[in-house]
């Protein structure tokens, strides 16, 4: 039995209700650019979910055992429209406009797991 890896990441949006609503709009299945989920899957990510509380985002990313986070996320950034997407969504995110996805989405440390 192979076990998927799980990565949890966080990012803050600007505290602007209109920008937050627009960010949510662009992440709906019918609005997201089709190259974005296609690239995510091609990079080896089998599931990705983003949750929100106020302007705080929490992403759960699941990938197979062969997935190498640093290598495959860097590879993902080279896929069609990924760099354009990062530039597009940067205006919503509380980070520098030229930051790469790895610099925006911060990998979280697990500090508890139910025994």
PDB file of N, CA and C in Angstrom:
ATOM      1  N   UNK A   1       0.835  -1.178   0.000  1.00  0.00           N
ATOM      2  CA  UNK A   1       0.000   0.000   0.000  1.00  0.00           C
ATOM      3  C   UNK A   1       0.887   1.252   0.000  1.00  0.00           C
ATOM      4  N   UNK A   2       0.634   2.139  -0.955  1.00  0.00           N
ATOM      5  CA  UNK A   2       1.391   3.390  -0.987  1.00  0.00           C
ATOM      6  C   UNK A   2       0.614   4.468  -0.249  1.00  0.00           C
ATOM      7  N   UNK A   3       1.355   5.269   0.471  1.00  0.00           N
ATOM      8  CA  UNK A   3       0.747   6.330   1.257  1.00  0.00           C
ATOM      9  C   UNK A   3       1.066   7.674   0.628  1.00  0.00           C
ATOM     10  N   UNK A   4       0.030   8.476   0.451  1.00  0.00           N
ATOM     11  CA  UNK A   4       0.242   9.827  -0.058  1.00  0.00           C
ATOM     12  C   UNK A   4       0.911  10.691   1.001  1.00  0.00           C
ATOM     13  N   UNK A   5       1.643  11.669   0.515  1.00  0.00           N
ATOM     14  CA  UNK A   5       2.217  12.686   1.386  1.00  0.00           C
ATOM     15  C   UNK A   5       1.222  13.834   1.492  1.00  0.00           C
ATOM     16  N   UNK A   6       1.200  14.484   2.615  1.00  0.00           N
ATOM     17  CA  UNK A   6       0.332  15.645   2.798  1.00  0.00           C
ATOM     18  C   UNK A   6       1.186  16.827   3.227  1.00  0.00           C
ATOM     19  N   UNK A   7       0.946  17.954   2.568  1.00  0.00           N
ATOM     20  CA  UNK A   7       1.647  19.194   2.882  1.00  0.00           C
ATOM     21  C   UNK A   7       0.594  20.238   3.221  1.00  0.00           C
ATOM     22  N   UNK A   8       0.827  21.003   4.267  1.00  0.00           N
ATOM     23  CA  UNK A   8      -0.093  22.056   4.669  1.00  0.00           C
ATOM     24  C   UNK A   8       0.642  23.381   4.551  1.00  0.00           C
ATOM     25  N   UNK A   9      -0.009  24.331   3.898  1.00  0.00           N
ATOM     26  CA  UNK A   9       0.616  25.619   3.628  1.00  0.00           C
ATOM     27  C   UNK A   9      -0.349  26.739   3.985  1.00  0.00           C
ATOM     28  N   UNK A  10       0.197  27.912   4.234  1.00  0.00           N
ATOM     29  CA  UNK A  10      -0.637  29.057   4.569  1.00  0.00           C
ATOM     30  C   UNK A  10      -0.174  30.294   3.817  1.00  0.00           C
ATOM     31  N   UNK A  11      -1.103  31.207   3.639  1.00  0.00           N
ATOM     32  CA  UNK A  11      -0.850  32.462   2.940  1.00  0.00           C
ATOM     33  C   UNK A  11      -1.923  33.446   3.382  1.00  0.00           C
ATOM     34  N   UNK A  12      -1.585  34.711   3.483  1.00  0.00           N
ATOM     35  CA  UNK A  12      -2.571  35.736   3.824  1.00  0.00           C
ATOM     36  C   UNK A  12      -2.891  36.582   2.605  1.00  0.00           C
ATOM     37  N   UNK A  13      -4.168  36.947   2.495  1.00  0.00           N
ATOM     38  CA  UNK A  13      -4.615  37.879   1.473  1.00  0.00           C
ATOM     39  C   UNK A  13      -4.672  39.281   2.074  1.00  0.00           C
ATOM     40  N   UNK A  14      -4.704  40.261   1.209  1.00  0.00           N
ATOM     41  CA  UNK A  14      -4.918  41.622   1.700  1.00  0.00           C
ATOM     42  C   UNK A  14      -6.285  41.687   2.373  1.00  0.00           C
ATOM     43  N   UNK A  15      -6.389  42.474   3.411  1.00  0.00           N
ATOM     44  CA  UNK A  15      -7.641  42.593   4.158  1.00  0.00           C
ATOM     45  C   UNK A  15      -8.576  43.569   3.467  1.00  0.00           C
ATOM     46  N   UNK A  16      -9.036  43.165   2.294  1.00  0.00           N
ATOM     47  CA  UNK A  16      -9.930  43.971   1.461  1.00  0.00           C
ATOM     48  C   UNK A  16     -11.062  43.055   0.997  1.00  0.00           C
ATOM     49  N   UNK A  17     -12.282  43.239   1.517  1.00  0.00           N
ATOM     50  CA  UNK A  17     -13.388  42.333   1.183  1.00  0.00           C
ATOM     51  C   UNK A  17     -13.630  42.169  -0.320  1.00  0.00           C
ATOM     52  N   UNK A  18     -13.491  43.236  -1.084  1.00  0.00           N
ATOM     53  CA  UNK A  18     -13.705  43.131  -2.536  1.00  0.00           C
ATOM     54  C   UNK A  18     -12.628  42.264  -3.185  1.00  0.00           C
ATOM     55  N   UNK A  19     -11.375  42.433  -2.783  1.00  0.00           N
ATOM     56  CA  UNK A  19     -10.293  41.607  -3.333  1.00  0.00           C
ATOM     57  C   UNK A  19     -10.452  40.145  -2.921  1.00  0.00           C
ATOM     58  N   UNK A  20     -10.873  39.914  -1.681  1.00  0.00           N
ATOM     59  CA  UNK A  20     -11.067  38.546  -1.209  1.00  0.00           C
ATOM     60  C   UNK A  20     -12.167  37.862  -2.012  1.00  0.00           C
ATOM     61  N   UNK A  21     -13.258  38.563  -2.267  1.00  0.00           N
ATOM     62  CA  UNK A  21     -14.340  37.978  -3.076  1.00  0.00           C
ATOM     63  C   UNK A  21     -13.873  37.686  -4.499  1.00  0.00           C
ATOM     64  N   UNK A  22     -13.067  38.575  -5.061  1.00  0.00           N
ATOM     65  CA  UNK A  22     -12.550  38.332  -6.415  1.00  0.00           C
ATOM     66  C   UNK A  22     -11.590  37.139  -6.418  1.00  0.00           C
ATOM     67  N   UNK A  23     -10.765  37.031  -5.407  1.00  0.00           N
ATOM     68  CA  UNK A  23      -9.847  35.886  -5.293  1.00  0.00           C
ATOM     69  C   UNK A  23     -10.648  34.585  -5.263  1.00  0.00           C
ATOM     70  N   UNK A  24     -11.705  34.564  -4.475  1.00  0.00           N
ATOM     71  CA  UNK A  24     -12.568  33.382  -4.403  1.00  0.00           C
ATOM     72  C   UNK A  24     -13.203  33.102  -5.763  1.00  0.00           C
ATOM     73  N   UNK A  25     -13.631  34.139  -6.468  1.00  0.00           N
ATOM     74  CA  UNK A  25     -14.218  33.987  -7.801  1.00  0.00           C
ATOM     75  C   UNK A  25     -13.256  33.251  -8.732  1.00  0.00           C
ATOM     76  N   UNK A  26     -11.994  33.678  -8.757  1.00  0.00           N
ATOM     77  CA  UNK A  26     -11.017  33.086  -9.677  1.00  0.00           C
ATOM     78  C   UNK A  26     -10.603  31.683  -9.285  1.00  0.00           C
ATOM     79  N   UNK A  27     -10.962  31.226  -8.089  1.00  0.00           N
ATOM     80  CA  UNK A  27     -10.629  29.875  -7.665  1.00  0.00           C
ATOM     81  C   UNK A  27     -11.804  28.905  -7.783  1.00  0.00           C
ATOM     82  N   UNK A  28     -12.933  29.370  -8.264  1.00  0.00           N
ATOM     83  CA  UNK A  28     -14.057  28.459  -8.534  1.00  0.00           C
ATOM     84  C   UNK A  28     -13.723  27.649  -9.779  1.00  0.00           C
ATOM     85  N   UNK A  29     -14.186  26.408  -9.796  1.00  0.00           N
ATOM     86  CA  UNK A  29     -13.880  25.491 -10.887  1.00  0.00           C
ATOM     87  C   UNK A  29     -14.154  26.040 -12.271  1.00  0.00           C
ATOM     88  N   UNK A  30     -15.249  26.774 -12.424  1.00  0.00           N
ATOM     89  CA  UNK A  30     -15.617  27.287 -13.749  1.00  0.00           C
ATOM     90  C   UNK A  30     -14.838  28.544 -14.132  1.00  0.00           C
ATOM     91  N   UNK A  31     -14.120  29.153 -13.202  1.00  0.00           N
ATOM     92  CA  UNK A  31     -13.417  30.403 -13.480  1.00  0.00           C
ATOM     93  C   UNK A  31     -11.899  30.262 -13.548  1.00  0.00           C
ATOM     94  N   UNK A  32     -11.358  29.255 -12.887  1.00  0.00           N
ATOM     95  CA  UNK A  32      -9.903  29.100 -12.877  1.00  0.00           C
ATOM     96  C   UNK A  32      -9.416  28.749 -14.278  1.00  0.00           C
ATOM     97  N   UNK A  33      -8.286  29.277 -14.649  1.00  0.00           N
ATOM     98  CA  UNK A  33      -7.728  28.987 -15.963  1.00  0.00           C
ATOM     99  C   UNK A  33      -7.449  27.487 -16.040  1.00  0.00           C
ATOM    100  N   UNK A  34      -7.889  26.802 -17.091  1.00  0.00           N
ATOM    101  CA  UNK A  34      -7.768  25.337 -17.146  1.00  0.00           C
ATOM    102  C   UNK A  34      -6.327  24.823 -17.066  1.00  0.00           C
ATOM    103  N   UNK A  35      -5.373  25.634 -17.492  1.00  0.00           N
ATOM    104  CA  UNK A  35      -3.967  25.204 -17.435  1.00  0.00           C
ATOM    105  C   UNK A  35      -3.468  25.053 -16.000  1.00  0.00           C
ATOM    106  N   UNK A  36      -4.111  25.753 -15.063  1.00  0.00           N
ATOM    107  CA  UNK A  36      -3.636  25.734 -13.677  1.00  0.00           C
ATOM    108  C   UNK A  36      -3.894  24.376 -13.021  1.00  0.00           C
ATOM    109  N   UNK A  37      -5.129  23.875 -12.966  1.00  0.00           N
ATOM    110  CA  UNK A  37      -5.320  22.540 -12.383  1.00  0.00           C
ATOM    111  C   UNK A  37      -4.639  21.445 -13.202  1.00  0.00           C
ATOM    112  N   UNK A  38      -4.549  21.625 -14.521  1.00  0.00           N
ATOM    113  CA  UNK A  38      -3.859  20.626 -15.353  1.00  0.00           C
ATOM    114  C   UNK A  38      -2.387  20.535 -14.960  1.00  0.00           C
ATOM    115  N   UNK A  39      -1.742  21.681 -14.755  1.00  0.00           N
ATOM    116  CA  UNK A  39      -0.343  21.690 -14.351  1.00  0.00           C
ATOM    117  C   UNK A  39      -0.143  21.115 -12.962  1.00  0.00           C
ATOM    118  N   UNK A  40      -1.056  21.428 -12.065  1.00  0.00           N
ATOM    119  CA  UNK A  40      -0.980  20.898 -10.698  1.00  0.00           C
ATOM    120  C   UNK A  40      -0.994  19.375 -10.730  1.00  0.00           C
ATOM    121  N   UNK A  41      -1.893  18.816 -11.524  1.00  0.00           N
ATOM    122  CA  UNK A  41      -1.982  17.352 -11.639  1.00  0.00           C
ATOM    123  C   UNK A  41      -0.745  16.783 -12.318  1.00  0.00           C
ATOM    124  N   UNK A  42      -0.277  17.455 -13.365  1.00  0.00           N
ATOM    125  CA  UNK A  42       0.913  16.982 -14.086  1.00  0.00           C
ATOM    126  C   UNK A  42       2.143  16.963 -13.181  1.00  0.00           C
ATOM    127  N   UNK A  43       2.203  17.870 -12.219  1.00  0.00           N
ATOM    128  CA  UNK A  43       3.331  17.925 -11.287  1.00  0.00           C
ATOM    129  C   UNK A  43       3.304  16.774 -10.281  1.00  0.00           C
ATOM    130  N   UNK A  44       2.207  16.023 -10.236  1.00  0.00           N
ATOM    131  CA  UNK A  44       2.123  14.887  -9.327  1.00  0.00           C
ATOM    132  C   UNK A  44       1.257  15.114  -8.105  1.00  0.00           C
ATOM    133  N   UNK A  45       0.556  16.226  -8.073  1.00  0.00           N
ATOM    134  CA  UNK A  45      -0.338  16.522  -6.962  1.00  0.00           C
ATOM    135  C   UNK A  45      -1.675  15.844  -7.242  1.00  0.00           C
ATOM    136  N   UNK A  46      -2.139  15.017  -6.315  1.00  0.00           N
ATOM    137  CA  UNK A  46      -3.369  14.261  -6.545  1.00  0.00           C
ATOM    138  C   UNK A  46      -4.596  14.930  -5.949  1.00  0.00           C
ATOM    139  N   UNK A  47      -4.395  15.815  -4.975  1.00  0.00           N
ATOM    140  CA  UNK A  47      -5.513  16.556  -4.403  1.00  0.00           C
ATOM    141  C   UNK A  47      -4.987  17.851  -3.801  1.00  0.00           C
ATOM    142  N   UNK A  48      -5.786  18.903  -3.960  1.00  0.00           N
ATOM    143  CA  UNK A  48      -5.436  20.195  -3.376  1.00  0.00           C
ATOM    144  C   UNK A  48      -6.724  20.860  -2.945  1.00  0.00           C
ATOM    145  N   UNK A  49      -6.735  21.334  -1.711  1.00  0.00           N
ATOM    146  CA  UNK A  49      -7.883  22.066  -1.195  1.00  0.00           C
ATOM    147  C   UNK A  49      -7.370  23.330  -0.520  1.00  0.00           C
ATOM    148  N   UNK A  50      -8.138  24.415  -0.657  1.00  0.00           N
ATOM    149  CA  UNK A  50      -7.801  25.666   0.020  1.00  0.00           C
ATOM    150  C   UNK A  50      -8.992  26.059   0.884  1.00  0.00           C
ATOM    151  N   UNK A  51      -8.721  26.356   2.142  1.00  0.00           N
ATOM    152  CA  UNK A  51      -9.732  26.809   3.090  1.00  0.00           C
ATOM    153  C   UNK A  51      -9.421  28.251   3.459  1.00  0.00           C
ATOM    154  N   UNK A  52     -10.443  28.986   3.898  1.00  0.00           N
ATOM    155  CA  UNK A  52     -10.268  30.395   4.219  1.00  0.00           C
ATOM    156  C   UNK A  52     -10.929  30.734   5.549  1.00  0.00           C
ATOM    157  N   UNK A  53     -10.258  31.578   6.306  1.00  0.00           N
ATOM    158  CA  UNK A  53     -10.824  32.200   7.500  1.00  0.00           C
ATOM    159  C   UNK A  53     -10.407  33.662   7.441  1.00  0.00           C
ATOM    160  N   UNK A  54     -11.381  34.543   7.269  1.00  0.00           N
ATOM    161  CA  UNK A  54     -11.109  35.967   7.078  1.00  0.00           C
ATOM    162  C   UNK A  54     -10.172  36.124   5.874  1.00  0.00           C
ATOM    163  N   UNK A  55      -8.953  36.613   6.086  1.00  0.00           N
ATOM    164  CA  UNK A  55      -8.035  36.759   4.961  1.00  0.00           C
ATOM    165  C   UNK A  55      -6.917  35.697   4.989  1.00  0.00           C
ATOM    166  N   UNK A  56      -7.018  34.730   5.891  1.00  0.00           N
ATOM    167  CA  UNK A  56      -6.013  33.663   6.015  1.00  0.00           C
ATOM    168  C   UNK A  56      -6.427  32.454   5.183  1.00  0.00           C
ATOM    169  N   UNK A  57      -5.512  31.974   4.346  1.00  0.00           N
ATOM    170  CA  UNK A  57      -5.738  30.788   3.538  1.00  0.00           C
ATOM    171  C   UNK A  57      -4.936  29.627   4.113  1.00  0.00           C
ATOM    172  N   UNK A  58      -5.501  28.432   3.996  1.00  0.00           N
ATOM    173  CA  UNK A  58      -4.860  27.206   4.442  1.00  0.00           C
ATOM    174  C   UNK A  58      -5.024  26.192   3.323  1.00  0.00           C
ATOM    175  N   UNK A  59      -3.913  25.702   2.793  1.00  0.00           N
ATOM    176  CA  UNK A  59      -3.946  24.745   1.680  1.00  0.00           C
ATOM    177  C   UNK A  59      -3.494  23.376   2.157  1.00  0.00           C
ATOM    178  N   UNK A  60      -4.234  22.362   1.748  1.00  0.00           N
ATOM    179  CA  UNK A  60      -3.823  20.983   1.950  1.00  0.00           C
ATOM    180  C   UNK A  60      -3.494  20.426   0.568  1.00  0.00           C
ATOM    181  N   UNK A  61      -2.281  19.965   0.423  1.00  0.00           N
ATOM    182  CA  UNK A  61      -1.800  19.438  -0.842  1.00  0.00           C
ATOM    183  C   UNK A  61      -1.434  17.975  -0.600  1.00  0.00           C
ATOM    184  N   UNK A  62      -1.958  17.081  -1.424  1.00  0.00           N
ATOM    185  CA  UNK A  62      -1.627  15.666  -1.299  1.00  0.00           C
ATOM    186  C   UNK A  62      -0.969  15.194  -2.579  1.00  0.00           C
ATOM    187  N   UNK A  63       0.076  14.390  -2.405  1.00  0.00           N
ATOM    188  CA  UNK A  63       0.818  13.864  -3.546  1.00  0.00           C
ATOM    189  C   UNK A  63       1.293  12.455  -3.210  1.00  0.00           C
ATOM    190  N   UNK A  64       1.643  11.719  -4.246  1.00  0.00           N
ATOM    191  CA  UNK A  64       2.125  10.358  -4.048  1.00  0.00           C
ATOM    192  C   UNK A  64       3.481  10.318  -3.372  1.00  0.00           C
ATOM    193  N   UNK A  65       3.941   9.106  -3.021  1.00  0.00           N
ATOM    194  CA  UNK A  65       5.200   8.965  -2.279  1.00  0.00           C
ATOM    195  C   UNK A  65       6.436   9.414  -3.073  1.00  0.00           C
ATOM    196  N   UNK A  66       6.335   9.441  -4.386  1.00  0.00           N
ATOM    197  CA  UNK A  66       7.468   9.830  -5.229  1.00  0.00           C
ATOM    198  C   UNK A  66       7.597  11.347  -5.385  1.00  0.00           C
ATOM    199  N   UNK A  67       6.625  12.079  -4.914  1.00  0.00           N
ATOM    200  CA  UNK A  67       6.608  13.540  -5.044  1.00  0.00           C
ATOM    201  C   UNK A  67       7.706  14.149  -4.184  1.00  0.00           C
ATOM    202  N   UNK A  68       8.501  15.010  -4.792  1.00  0.00           N
ATOM    203  CA  UNK A  68       9.543  15.750  -4.085  1.00  0.00           C
ATOM    204  C   UNK A  68       9.098  17.206  -4.062  1.00  0.00           C
ATOM    205  N   UNK A  69       8.731  17.704  -2.907  1.00  0.00           N
ATOM    206  CA  UNK A  69       8.099  19.020  -2.803  1.00  0.00           C
ATOM    207  C   UNK A  69       8.907  20.105  -3.502  1.00  0.00           C
ATOM    208  N   UNK A  70      10.175  20.257  -3.160  1.00  0.00           N
ATOM    209  CA  UNK A  70      10.980  21.331  -3.749  1.00  0.00           C
ATOM    210  C   UNK A  70      11.131  21.166  -5.263  1.00  0.00           C
ATOM    211  N   UNK A  71      11.494  19.979  -5.694  1.00  0.00           N
ATOM    212  CA  UNK A  71      11.715  19.721  -7.121  1.00  0.00           C
ATOM    213  C   UNK A  71      10.418  19.879  -7.926  1.00  0.00           C
ATOM    214  N   UNK A  72       9.347  19.238  -7.475  1.00  0.00           N
ATOM    215  CA  UNK A  72       8.109  19.233  -8.261  1.00  0.00           C
ATOM    216  C   UNK A  72       7.379  20.569  -8.233  1.00  0.00           C
ATOM    217  N   UNK A  73       7.491  21.317  -7.147  1.00  0.00           N
ATOM    218  CA  UNK A  73       6.884  22.657  -7.135  1.00  0.00           C
ATOM    219  C   UNK A  73       7.660  23.598  -8.065  1.00  0.00           C
ATOM    220  N   UNK A  74       8.972  23.445  -8.125  1.00  0.00           N
ATOM    221  CA  UNK A  74       9.771  24.243  -9.062  1.00  0.00           C
ATOM    222  C   UNK A  74       9.405  23.866 -10.503  1.00  0.00           C
ATOM    223  N   UNK A  75       9.244  22.569 -10.742  1.00  0.00           N
ATOM    224  CA  UNK A  75       8.849  22.089 -12.080  1.00  0.00           C
ATOM    225  C   UNK A  75       7.471  22.641 -12.453  1.00  0.00           C
ATOM    226  N   UNK A  76       6.543  22.654 -11.501  1.00  0.00           N
ATOM    227  CA  UNK A  76       5.203  23.188 -11.742  1.00  0.00           C
ATOM    228  C   UNK A  76       5.274  24.634 -12.220  1.00  0.00           C
ATOM    229  N   UNK A  77       6.172  25.396 -11.672  1.00  0.00           N
ATOM    230  CA  UNK A  77       6.265  26.819 -12.044  1.00  0.00           C
ATOM    231  C   UNK A  77       6.654  27.035 -13.502  1.00  0.00           C
ATOM    232  N   UNK A  78       7.142  25.990 -14.168  1.00  0.00           N
ATOM    233  CA  UNK A  78       7.536  26.117 -15.584  1.00  0.00           C
ATOM    234  C   UNK A  78       6.423  25.716 -16.544  1.00  0.00           C
ATOM    235  N   UNK A  79       5.330  25.198 -16.047  1.00  0.00           N
ATOM    236  CA  UNK A  79       4.245  24.725 -16.907  1.00  0.00           C
ATOM    237  C   UNK A  79       3.472  25.905 -17.499  1.00  0.00           C
ATOM    238  N   UNK A  80       2.730  25.642 -18.602  1.00  0.00           N
ATOM    239  CA  UNK A  80       1.994  26.725 -19.280  1.00  0.00           C
ATOM    240  C   UNK A  80       1.101  27.530 -18.348  1.00  0.00           C
ATOM    241  N   UNK A  81       1.259  28.838 -18.431  1.00  0.00           N
ATOM    242  CA  UNK A  81       0.476  29.862 -17.753  1.00  0.00           C
ATOM    243  C   UNK A  81       0.676  29.914 -16.241  1.00  0.00           C
ATOM    244  N   UNK A  82       1.522  29.075 -15.659  1.00  0.00           N
ATOM    245  CA  UNK A  82       1.730  29.084 -14.206  1.00  0.00           C
ATOM    246  C   UNK A  82       2.343  30.406 -13.747  1.00  0.00           C
ATOM    247  N   UNK A  83       3.381  30.871 -14.446  1.00  0.00           N
ATOM    248  CA  UNK A  83       4.010  32.134 -14.054  1.00  0.00           C
ATOM    249  C   UNK A  83       3.026  33.293 -14.214  1.00  0.00           C
ATOM    250  N   UNK A  84       2.255  33.268 -15.289  1.00  0.00           N
ATOM    251  CA  UNK A  84       1.237  34.301 -15.525  1.00  0.00           C
ATOM    252  C   UNK A  84       0.184  34.276 -14.413  1.00  0.00           C
ATOM    253  N   UNK A  85      -0.227  33.076 -13.997  1.00  0.00           N
ATOM    254  CA  UNK A  85      -1.209  32.924 -12.914  1.00  0.00           C
ATOM    255  C   UNK A  85      -0.661  33.509 -11.609  1.00  0.00           C
ATOM    256  N   UNK A  86       0.608  33.193 -11.302  1.00  0.00           N
ATOM    257  CA  UNK A  86       1.225  33.711 -10.077  1.00  0.00           C
ATOM    258  C   UNK A  86       1.244  35.241 -10.082  1.00  0.00           C
ATOM    259  N   UNK A  87       1.555  35.826 -11.214  1.00  0.00           N
ATOM    260  CA  UNK A  87       1.548  37.288 -11.324  1.00  0.00           C
ATOM    261  C   UNK A  87       0.134  37.834 -11.167  1.00  0.00           C
ATOM    262  N   UNK A  88      -0.851  37.144 -11.751  1.00  0.00           N
ATOM    263  CA  UNK A  88      -2.247  37.559 -11.689  1.00  0.00           C
ATOM    264  C   UNK A  88      -2.776  37.559 -10.256  1.00  0.00           C
ATOM    265  N   UNK A  89      -2.518  36.494  -9.505  1.00  0.00           N
ATOM    266  CA  UNK A  89      -3.064  36.391  -8.152  1.00  0.00           C
ATOM    267  C   UNK A  89      -2.235  37.149  -7.117  1.00  0.00           C
ATOM    268  N   UNK A  90      -1.050  37.609  -7.483  1.00  0.00           N
ATOM    269  CA  UNK A  90      -0.188  38.320  -6.535  1.00  0.00           C
ATOM    270  C   UNK A  90      -0.852  39.576  -5.982  1.00  0.00           C
ATOM    271  N   UNK A  91      -1.712  40.216  -6.751  1.00  0.00           N
ATOM    272  CA  UNK A  91      -2.348  41.456  -6.278  1.00  0.00           C
ATOM    273  C   UNK A  91      -3.319  41.223  -5.119  1.00  0.00           C
ATOM    274  N   UNK A  92      -3.756  39.994  -4.950  1.00  0.00           N
ATOM    275  CA  UNK A  92      -4.659  39.648  -3.856  1.00  0.00           C
ATOM    276  C   UNK A  92      -3.889  39.275  -2.586  1.00  0.00           C
ATOM    277  N   UNK A  93      -2.660  38.842  -2.766  1.00  0.00           N
ATOM    278  CA  UNK A  93      -1.897  38.215  -1.697  1.00  0.00           C
ATOM    279  C   UNK A  93      -1.018  39.208  -0.956  1.00  0.00           C
ATOM    280  N   UNK A  94      -0.940  39.015   0.335  1.00  0.00           N
ATOM    281  CA  UNK A  94      -0.133  39.888   1.193  1.00  0.00           C
ATOM    282  C   UNK A  94       1.317  39.404   1.140  1.00  0.00           C
ATOM    283  N   UNK A  95       1.969  39.734   0.035  1.00  0.00           N
ATOM    284  CA  UNK A  95       3.351  39.333  -0.202  1.00  0.00           C
ATOM    285  C   UNK A  95       3.910  40.232  -1.286  1.00  0.00           C
ATOM    286  N   UNK A  96       5.181  40.149  -1.554  1.00  0.00           N
ATOM    287  CA  UNK A  96       5.741  40.986  -2.608  1.00  0.00           C
ATOM    288  C   UNK A  96       5.291  40.476  -3.976  1.00  0.00           C
ATOM    289  N   UNK A  97       5.087  41.375  -4.898  1.00  0.00           N
ATOM    290  CA  UNK A  97       4.561  41.039  -6.225  1.00  0.00           C
ATOM    291  C   UNK A  97       5.481  40.112  -6.998  1.00  0.00           C
ATOM    292  N   UNK A  98       6.776  40.159  -6.733  1.00  0.00           N
ATOM    293  CA  UNK A  98       7.711  39.324  -7.481  1.00  0.00           C
ATOM    294  C   UNK A  98       8.057  38.016  -6.761  1.00  0.00           C
ATOM    295  N   UNK A  99       7.393  37.726  -5.660  1.00  0.00           N
ATOM    296  CA  UNK A  99       7.658  36.489  -4.925  1.00  0.00           C
ATOM    297  C   UNK A  99       7.165  35.287  -5.721  1.00  0.00           C
ATOM    298  N   UNK A 100       7.918  34.217  -5.683  1.00  0.00           N
ATOM    299  CA  UNK A 100       7.530  32.956  -6.311  1.00  0.00           C
ATOM    300  C   UNK A 100       6.525  32.255  -5.395  1.00  0.00           C
ATOM    301  N   UNK A 101       5.783  31.307  -5.968  1.00  0.00           N
ATOM    302  CA  UNK A 101       4.761  30.597  -5.202  1.00  0.00           C
ATOM    303  C   UNK A 101       5.325  30.001  -3.914  1.00  0.00           C
ATOM    304  N   UNK A 102       6.527  29.442  -3.979  1.00  0.00           N
ATOM    305  CA  UNK A 102       7.142  28.822  -2.806  1.00  0.00           C
ATOM    306  C   UNK A 102       7.402  29.851  -1.702  1.00  0.00           C
ATOM    307  N   UNK A 103       7.627  31.095  -2.089  1.00  0.00           N
ATOM    308  CA  UNK A 103       7.877  32.148  -1.108  1.00  0.00           C
ATOM    309  C   UNK A 103       6.575  32.696  -0.530  1.00  0.00           C
ATOM    310  N   UNK A 104       5.486  32.575  -1.278  1.00  0.00           N
ATOM    311  CA  UNK A 104       4.188  33.076  -0.822  1.00  0.00           C
ATOM    312  C   UNK A 104       3.504  32.066   0.088  1.00  0.00           C
ATOM    313  N   UNK A 105       3.335  30.869  -0.433  1.00  0.00           N
ATOM    314  CA  UNK A 105       2.693  29.803   0.326  1.00  0.00           C
ATOM    315  C   UNK A 105       3.743  29.204   1.249  1.00  0.00           C
ATOM    316  N   UNK A 106       3.572  29.392   2.539  1.00  0.00           N
ATOM    317  CA  UNK A 106       4.563  28.947   3.510  1.00  0.00           C
ATOM    318  C   UNK A 106       4.189  27.577   4.053  1.00  0.00           C
ATOM    319  N   UNK A 107       5.128  26.663   3.951  1.00  0.00           N
ATOM    320  CA  UNK A 107       4.937  25.303   4.428  1.00  0.00           C
ATOM    321  C   UNK A 107       4.830  25.317   5.949  1.00  0.00           C
ATOM    322  N   UNK A 108       3.796  24.671   6.450  1.00  0.00           N
ATOM    323  CA  UNK A 108       3.549  24.662   7.894  1.00  0.00           C
ATOM    324  C   UNK A 108       4.174  23.422   8.531  1.00  0.00           C
ATOM    325  N   UNK A 109       4.517  23.542   9.783  1.00  0.00           N
ATOM    326  CA  UNK A 109       5.085  22.442  10.556  1.00  0.00           C
ATOM    327  C   UNK A 109       3.967  21.775  11.355  1.00  0.00           C
ATOM    328  N   UNK A 110       3.873  20.447  11.233  1.00  0.00           N
ATOM    329  CA  UNK A 110       2.889  19.721  12.038  1.00  0.00           C
ATOM    330  C   UNK A 110       3.433  19.628  13.465  1.00  0.00           C
ATOM    331  N   UNK A 111       2.637  20.053  14.422  1.00  0.00           N
ATOM    332  CA  UNK A 111       3.063  20.004  15.826  1.00  0.00           C
ATOM    333  C   UNK A 111       2.224  19.039  16.654  1.00  0.00           C
ATOM    334  N   UNK A 112       1.176  18.462  16.068  1.00  0.00           N
ATOM    335  CA  UNK A 112       0.355  17.485  16.794  1.00  0.00           C
ATOM    336  C   UNK A 112      -0.273  16.532  15.799  1.00  0.00           C
ATOM    337  N   UNK A 113      -0.329  15.281  16.192  1.00  0.00           N
ATOM    338  CA  UNK A 113      -1.067  14.264  15.449  1.00  0.00           C
ATOM    339  C   UNK A 113      -1.717  13.344  16.476  1.00  0.00           C
ATOM    340  N   UNK A 114      -2.980  13.083  16.288  1.00  0.00           N
ATOM    341  CA  UNK A 114      -3.720  12.229  17.223  1.00  0.00           C
ATOM    342  C   UNK A 114      -3.046  10.852  17.278  1.00  0.00           C
ATOM    343  N   UNK A 115      -2.673  10.436  18.457  1.00  0.00           N
ATOM    344  CA  UNK A 115      -1.992   9.129  18.609  1.00  0.00           C
ATOM    345  C   UNK A 115      -2.931   7.967  18.321  1.00  0.00           C
TER     346      UNK A 115
END
